[in-house]
PDB file of N, CA and C in Angstrom:
ATOM      1  N   MET A   1     293.983 313.442 218.563  1.00  0.00           N
ATOM      2  CA  MET A   1     294.450 313.891 217.177  1.00  0.00           C
ATOM      3  C   MET A   1     295.858 313.471 216.484  1.00  0.00           C
ATOM      4  N   ARG A   2     296.334 313.104 217.104  1.00  0.00           N
ATOM      5  CA  ARG A   2     297.746 312.423 217.392  1.00  0.00           C
ATOM      6  C   ARG A   2     297.560 311.080 216.562  1.00  0.00           C
ATOM      7  N   ALA A   3     296.903 309.954 216.742  1.00  0.00           N
ATOM      8  CA  ALA A   3     296.746 309.037 216.292  1.00  0.00           C
ATOM      9  C   ALA A   3     296.025 309.215 214.985  1.00  0.00           C
ATOM     10  N   PHE A   4     294.887 310.189 214.594  1.00  0.00           N
ATOM     11  CA  PHE A   4     294.612 310.411 213.358  1.00  0.00           C
ATOM     12  C   PHE A   4     295.638 310.704 212.340  1.00  0.00           C
ATOM     13  N   ILE A   5     296.206 311.751 212.623  1.00  0.00           N
ATOM     14  CA  ILE A   5     297.849 312.048 212.037  1.00  0.00           C
ATOM     15  C   ILE A   5     298.447 310.830 211.345  1.00  0.00           C
ATOM     16  N   TYR A   6     298.460 310.111 212.676  1.00  0.00           N
ATOM     17  CA  TYR A   6     299.953 308.934 212.632  1.00  0.00           C
ATOM     18  C   TYR A   6     298.780 308.167 211.276  1.00  0.00           C
ATOM     19  N   GLY A   7     297.534 307.721 211.431  1.00  0.00           N
ATOM     20  CA  GLY A   7     297.158 307.154 210.598  1.00  0.00           C
ATOM     21  C   GLY A   7     297.357 307.469 209.197  1.00  0.00           C
ATOM     22  N   THR A   8     296.882 308.856 209.564  1.00  0.00           N
ATOM     23  CA  THR A   8     296.815 309.515 207.877  1.00  0.00           C
ATOM     24  C   THR A   8     297.990 309.261 207.407  1.00  0.00           C
ATOM     25  N   LEU A   9     299.443 309.219 207.834  1.00  0.00           N
ATOM     26  CA  LEU A   9     300.290 309.615 207.847  1.00  0.00           C
ATOM     27  C   LEU A   9     300.947 307.450 206.920  1.00  0.00           C
ATOM     28  N   SER A  10     300.356 306.930 208.381  1.00  0.00           N
ATOM     29  CA  SER A  10     300.897 305.555 207.498  1.00  0.00           C
ATOM     30  C   SER A  10     300.127 305.075 205.974  1.00  0.00           C
ATOM     31  N   GLY A  11     298.907 305.668 205.980  1.00  0.00           N
ATOM     32  CA  GLY A  11     297.603 305.133 204.930  1.00  0.00           C
ATOM     33  C   GLY A  11     298.862 306.300 203.611  1.00  0.00           C
ATOM     34  N   ALA A  12     299.921 307.456 203.382  1.00  0.00           N
ATOM     35  CA  ALA A  12     299.925 307.741 202.372  1.00  0.00           C
ATOM     36  C   ALA A  12     301.345 307.339 201.734  1.00  0.00           C
ATOM     37  N   VAL A  13     301.294 306.918 202.053  1.00  0.00           N
ATOM     38  CA  VAL A  13     302.726 305.307 201.031  1.00  0.00           C
ATOM     39  C   VAL A  13     301.829 304.541 200.317  1.00  0.00           C
ATOM     40  N   GLU A  14     300.162 304.162 200.278  1.00  0.00           N
ATOM     41  CA  GLU A  14     299.828 303.474 199.673  1.00  0.00           C
ATOM     42  C   GLU A  14     299.779 303.835 197.801  1.00  0.00           C
ATOM     43  N   PRO A  15     299.499 305.438 198.010  1.00  0.00           N
ATOM     44  CA  PRO A  15     299.373 305.496 196.424  1.00  0.00           C
ATOM     45  C   PRO A  15     300.852 305.642 195.954  1.00  0.00           C
ATOM     46  N   VAL A  16     301.948 305.963 196.516  1.00  0.00           N
ATOM     47  CA  VAL A  16     303.236 305.755 196.262  1.00  0.00           C
ATOM     48  C   VAL A  16     303.362 304.161 195.630  1.00  0.00           C
ATOM     49  N   GLY A  17     303.174 303.676 196.485  1.00  0.00           N
ATOM     50  CA  GLY A  17     303.355 301.968 196.869  1.00  0.00           C
ATOM     51  C   GLY A  17     302.940 301.626 195.051  1.00  0.00           C
ATOM     52  N   ALA A  18     301.131 301.976 194.966  1.00  0.00           N
ATOM     53  CA  ALA A  18     300.664 301.866 193.547  1.00  0.00           C
ATOM     54  C   ALA A  18     301.189 302.365 192.682  1.00  0.00           C
ATOM     55  N   ILE A  19     301.522 303.471 192.474  1.00  0.00           N
ATOM     56  CA  ILE A  19     302.197 304.047 191.352  1.00  0.00           C
ATOM     57  C   ILE A  19     303.616 303.341 191.021  1.00  0.00           C
ATOM     58  N   VAL A  20     304.289 302.917 191.854  1.00  0.00           N
ATOM     59  CA  VAL A  20     305.898 302.201 191.710  1.00  0.00           C
ATOM     60  C   VAL A  20     305.518 300.883 191.633  1.00  0.00           C
ATOM     61  N   THR A  21     304.212 300.340 191.895  1.00  0.00           N
ATOM     62  CA  THR A  21     303.810 298.980 191.108  1.00  0.00           C
ATOM     63  C   THR A  21     303.421 299.144 189.559  1.00  0.00           C
ATOM     64  N   ILE A  22     302.310 300.240 189.392  1.00  0.00           N
ATOM     65  CA  ILE A  22     301.907 300.131 187.727  1.00  0.00           C
ATOM     66  C   ILE A  22     303.619 300.879 186.977  1.00  0.00           C
ATOM     67  N   LEU A  23     304.327 301.449 187.881  1.00  0.00           N
ATOM     68  CA  LEU A  23     305.658 301.771 186.617  1.00  0.00           C
ATOM     69  C   LEU A  23     306.131 300.322 186.555  1.00  0.00           C
ATOM     70  N   LEU A  24     306.454 299.014 187.807  1.00  0.00           N
ATOM     71  CA  LEU A  24     307.116 298.018 187.423  1.00  0.00           C
ATOM     72  C   LEU A  24     306.427 296.751 187.126  1.00  0.00           C
ATOM     73  N   ALA A  25     304.728 297.111 186.526  1.00  0.00           N
ATOM     74  CA  ALA A  25     304.293 296.177 186.446  1.00  0.00           C
ATOM     75  C   ALA A  25     304.838 294.900 185.746  1.00  0.00           C
ATOM     76  N   ASP A  26     305.824 295.165 184.457  1.00  0.00           N
ATOM     77  CA  ASP A  26     306.175 294.624 183.363  1.00  0.00           C
ATOM     78  C   ASP A  26     307.243 293.502 184.335  1.00  0.00           C
ATOM     79  N   PHE A  27     308.168 293.921 185.126  1.00  0.00           N
ATOM     80  CA  PHE A  27     309.144 292.909 185.941  1.00  0.00           C
ATOM     81  C   PHE A  27     307.938 292.807 187.004  1.00  0.00           C
ATOM     82  N   ILE A  28     307.152 292.955 187.617  1.00  0.00           N
ATOM     83  CA  ILE A  28     306.528 292.235 188.927  1.00  0.00           C
ATOM     84  C   ILE A  28     305.716 290.763 188.250  1.00  0.00           C
ATOM     85  N   VAL A  29     304.934 291.273 187.386  1.00  0.00           N
ATOM     86  CA  VAL A  29     304.108 289.886 186.997  1.00  0.00           C
ATOM     87  C   VAL A  29     304.961 288.896 186.380  1.00  0.00           C
ATOM     88  N   PRO A  30     306.396 288.535 185.798  1.00  0.00           N
ATOM     89  CA  PRO A  30     305.938 287.463 186.185  1.00  0.00           C
ATOM     90  C   PRO A  30     307.120 286.645 187.619  1.00  0.00           C
ATOM     91  N   ALA A  31     307.797 287.652 188.541  1.00  0.00           N
ATOM     92  CA  ALA A  31     307.454 287.398 189.661  1.00  0.00           C
ATOM     93  C   ALA A  31     306.287 286.573 190.784  1.00  0.00           C
ATOM     94  N   LEU A  32     305.579 287.222 190.313  1.00  0.00           N
ATOM     95  CA  LEU A  32     304.286 287.128 191.536  1.00  0.00           C
ATOM     96  C   LEU A  32     303.932 285.983 191.637  1.00  0.00           C
ATOM     97  N   PRO A  33     303.548 284.850 190.755  1.00  0.00           N
ATOM     98  CA  PRO A  33     303.534 283.628 191.750  1.00  0.00           C
ATOM     99  C   PRO A  33     304.873 283.424 193.199  1.00  0.00           C
ATOM    100  N   TYR A  34     306.151 283.784 192.472  1.00  0.00           N
ATOM    101  CA  TYR A  34     307.283 283.507 193.975  1.00  0.00           C
ATOM    102  C   TYR A  34     306.567 284.264 194.898  1.00  0.00           C
ATOM    103  N   LEU A  35     306.539 285.607 194.911  1.00  0.00           N
ATOM    104  CA  LEU A  35     306.219 286.724 195.639  1.00  0.00           C
ATOM    105  C   LEU A  35     304.454 286.115 196.271  1.00  0.00           C
ATOM    106  N   LEU A  36     303.122 285.664 195.666  1.00  0.00           N
ATOM    107  CA  LEU A  36     302.507 284.754 196.426  1.00  0.00           C
ATOM    108  C   LEU A  36     302.859 283.499 197.280  1.00  0.00           C
ATOM    109  N   ALA A  37     303.983 282.954 196.880  1.00  0.00           N
ATOM    110  CA  ALA A  37     304.180 282.005 197.484  1.00  0.00           C
ATOM    111  C   ALA A  37     304.848 282.410 198.825  1.00  0.00           C
ATOM    112  N   PHE A  38     305.368 283.343 198.968  1.00  0.00           N
ATOM    113  CA  PHE A  38     306.173 283.655 200.034  1.00  0.00           C
ATOM    114  C   PHE A  38     305.434 284.520 200.795  1.00  0.00           C
ATOM    115  N   ALA A  39     304.029 285.084 200.705  1.00  0.00           N
ATOM    116  CA  ALA A  39     303.131 285.457 201.190  1.00  0.00           C
ATOM    117  C   ALA A  39     302.572 284.436 202.359  1.00  0.00           C
ATOM    118  N   ALA A  40     302.485 283.635 201.164  1.00  0.00           N
ATOM    119  CA  ALA A  40     301.278 282.375 201.976  1.00  0.00           C
ATOM    120  C   ALA A  40     302.023 281.705 202.934  1.00  0.00           C
ATOM    121  N   GLY A  41     303.346 281.535 202.731  1.00  0.00           N
ATOM    122  CA  GLY A  41     303.950 280.773 203.506  1.00  0.00           C
ATOM    123  C   GLY A  41     304.360 281.276 204.646  1.00  0.00           C
ATOM    124  N   ALA A  42     304.351 282.748 204.796  1.00  0.00           N
ATOM    125  CA  ALA A  42     304.163 283.680 205.904  1.00  0.00           C
ATOM    126  C   ALA A  42     303.219 283.496 206.906  1.00  0.00           C
ATOM    127  N   MET A  43     301.823 283.385 205.909  1.00  0.00           N
ATOM    128  CA  MET A  43     300.768 283.039 206.641  1.00  0.00           C
ATOM    129  C   MET A  43     300.548 281.806 207.467  1.00  0.00           C
ATOM    130  N   LEU A  44     300.610 280.908 207.127  1.00  0.00           N
ATOM    131  CA  LEU A  44     301.097 279.789 207.854  1.00  0.00           C
ATOM    132  C   LEU A  44     302.062 279.795 208.602  1.00  0.00           C
ATOM    133  N   TYR A  45     303.286 280.568 208.465  1.00  0.00           N
ATOM    134  CA  TYR A  45     304.079 280.224 209.675  1.00  0.00           C
ATOM    135  C   TYR A  45     303.012 281.209 210.643  1.00  0.00           C
ATOM    136  N   VAL A  46     302.628 281.921 210.364  1.00  0.00           N
ATOM    137  CA  VAL A  46     302.268 282.770 211.755  1.00  0.00           C
ATOM    138  C   VAL A  46     301.181 282.046 212.556  1.00  0.00           C
ATOM    139  N   VAL A  47     300.119 281.404 211.799  1.00  0.00           N
ATOM    140  CA  VAL A  47     299.359 280.623 212.584  1.00  0.00           C
ATOM    141  C   VAL A  47     300.009 279.590 213.214  1.00  0.00           C
ATOM    142  N   VAL A  48     300.918 279.117 212.499  1.00  0.00           N
ATOM    143  CA  VAL A  48     301.018 277.730 213.452  1.00  0.00           C
ATOM    144  C   VAL A  48     302.116 278.111 214.800  1.00  0.00           C
ATOM    145  N   GLU A  49     302.764 279.068 214.367  1.00  0.00           N
ATOM    146  CA  GLU A  49     303.682 279.333 215.528  1.00  0.00           C
ATOM    147  C   GLU A  49     303.215 280.493 216.572  1.00  0.00           C
ATOM    148  N   GLU A  50     301.411 281.447 216.016  1.00  0.00           N
ATOM    149  CA  GLU A  50     300.964 282.138 217.343  1.00  0.00           C
ATOM    150  C   GLU A  50     299.823 281.464 217.616  1.00  0.00           C
ATOM    151  N   LEU A  51     298.904 282.108 216.219  1.00  0.00           N
ATOM    152  CA  LEU A  51     297.569 281.651 217.016  1.00  0.00           C
ATOM    153  C   LEU A  51     297.148 279.888 217.195  1.00  0.00           C
ATOM    154  N   ILE A  52     297.556 278.960 217.181  1.00  0.00           N
ATOM    155  CA  ILE A  52     297.524 277.974 217.638  1.00  0.00           C
ATOM    156  C   ILE A  52     297.805 277.765 218.615  1.00  0.00           C
ATOM    157  N   PRO A  53     298.786 278.011 219.139  1.00  0.00           N
ATOM    158  CA  PRO A  53     299.800 277.683 220.789  1.00  0.00           C
ATOM    159  C   PRO A  53     298.729 278.894 221.743  1.00  0.00           C
ATOM    160  N   GLU A  54     298.406 279.658 220.736  1.00  0.00           N
ATOM    161  CA  GLU A  54     297.226 280.672 221.940  1.00  0.00           C
ATOM    162  C   GLU A  54     296.265 280.173 222.135  1.00  0.00           C
ATOM    163  N   SER A  55     295.792 279.330 220.728  1.00  0.00           N
ATOM    164  CA  SER A  55     294.409 279.125 221.181  1.00  0.00           C
ATOM    165  C   SER A  55     294.464 277.338 222.355  1.00  0.00           C
ATOM    166  N   ALA A  56     295.490 276.739 222.632  1.00  0.00           N
ATOM    167  CA  ALA A  56     295.643 275.924 223.493  1.00  0.00           C
ATOM    168  C   ALA A  56     295.370 276.582 224.754  1.00  0.00           C
ATOM    169  N   GLU A  57     296.030 277.614 224.872  1.00  0.00           N
ATOM    170  CA  GLU A  57     295.735 278.422 226.509  1.00  0.00           C
ATOM    171  C   GLU A  57     294.177 278.658 227.033  1.00  0.00           C
ATOM    172  N   GLY A  58     294.383 278.784 228.005  1.00  0.00           N
ATOM    173  CA  GLY A  58     292.978 278.855 228.752  1.00  0.00           C
ATOM    174  C   GLY A  58     292.331 277.891 229.199  1.00  0.00           C
ATOM    175  N   GLU A  59     290.957 278.368 229.643  1.00  0.00           N
ATOM    176  CA  GLU A  59     289.725 277.459 230.824  1.00  0.00           C
ATOM    177  C   GLU A  59     289.588 276.560 229.705  1.00  0.00           C
ATOM    178  N   HIS A  60     289.051 276.689 228.460  1.00  0.00           N
ATOM    179  CA  HIS A  60     288.765 275.964 227.376  1.00  0.00           C
ATOM    180  C   HIS A  60     288.990 275.505 226.105  1.00  0.00           C
ATOM    181  N   SER A  61     290.450 275.216 226.289  1.00  0.00           N
ATOM    182  CA  SER A  61     291.720 274.752 225.465  1.00  0.00           C
ATOM    183  C   SER A  61     291.209 273.896 224.357  1.00  0.00           C
ATOM    184  N   ASN A  62     290.248 272.462 225.077  1.00  0.00           N
ATOM    185  CA  ASN A  62     290.349 272.003 224.029  1.00  0.00           C
ATOM    186  C   ASN A  62     289.310 272.433 222.869  1.00  0.00           C
ATOM    187  N   LEU A  63     288.592 273.296 223.193  1.00  0.00           N
ATOM    188  CA  LEU A  63     287.667 273.730 221.566  1.00  0.00           C
ATOM    189  C   LEU A  63     288.345 274.415 220.491  1.00  0.00           C
ATOM    190  N   GLY A  64     289.183 274.893 221.151  1.00  0.00           N
ATOM    191  CA  GLY A  64     290.478 275.836 219.774  1.00  0.00           C
ATOM    192  C   GLY A  64     291.482 274.764 219.083  1.00  0.00           C
ATOM    193  N   THR A  65     291.225 274.140 219.558  1.00  0.00           N
ATOM    194  CA  THR A  65     292.586 272.914 219.380  1.00  0.00           C
ATOM    195  C   THR A  65     291.722 271.591 218.852  1.00  0.00           C
ATOM    196  N   PHE A  66     290.781 271.391 219.058  1.00  0.00           N
ATOM    197  CA  PHE A  66     290.293 270.150 218.428  1.00  0.00           C
ATOM    198  C   PHE A  66     290.502 269.474 217.227  1.00  0.00           C
ATOM    199  N   ALA A  67     290.914 270.008 216.090  1.00  0.00           N
ATOM    200  CA  ALA A  67     291.618 269.599 215.208  1.00  0.00           C
ATOM    201  C   ALA A  67     292.556 270.481 214.749  1.00  0.00           C
ATOM    202  N   SER A  68     293.684 270.502 215.747  1.00  0.00           N
ATOM    203  CA  SER A  68     294.601 271.205 214.996  1.00  0.00           C
ATOM    204  C   SER A  68     295.980 270.358 214.585  1.00  0.00           C
ATOM    205  N   PRO A  69     296.957 270.537 214.145  1.00  0.00           N
ATOM    206  CA  PRO A  69     297.408 270.040 213.612  1.00  0.00           C
ATOM    207  C   PRO A  69     298.683 269.280 214.696  1.00  0.00           C
ATOM    208  N   TRP A  70     299.089 269.925 215.786  1.00  0.00           N
ATOM    209  CA  TRP A  70     299.618 268.979 217.036  1.00  0.00           C
ATOM    210  C   TRP A  70     298.786 267.686 217.526  1.00  0.00           C
ATOM    211  N   ASP A  71     297.751 267.638 217.076  1.00  0.00           N
ATOM    212  CA  ASP A  71     296.847 266.462 217.722  1.00  0.00           C
ATOM    213  C   ASP A  71     297.453 265.047 216.764  1.00  0.00           C
ATOM    214  N   PHE A  72     297.786 265.543 215.651  1.00  0.00           N
ATOM    215  CA  PHE A  72     298.196 264.018 214.852  1.00  0.00           C
ATOM    216  C   PHE A  72     299.453 263.829 215.374  1.00  0.00           C
ATOM    217  N   TRP A  73     300.158 264.427 216.235  1.00  0.00           N
ATOM    218  CA  TRP A  73     301.723 264.159 216.284  1.00  0.00           C
ATOM    219  C   TRP A  73     301.688 263.683 217.665  1.00  0.00           C
TER     220      TRP A  73
END
């Protein structure tokens, strides 16, 4: 029951964020390309820093890293 309540509370901020975004849409639209570029860079960082090294660990590590960027360096 506690997990359900915490999950519900964590989702309760989404309508608040949506209302703030709608109210500030005129200011957010010009900055949108920069915000999306930042989000893409953050996801690339996570992939390079976390997922690629983890795929190299384990018994069958050559399958996960067959075409990784580390093979070219």
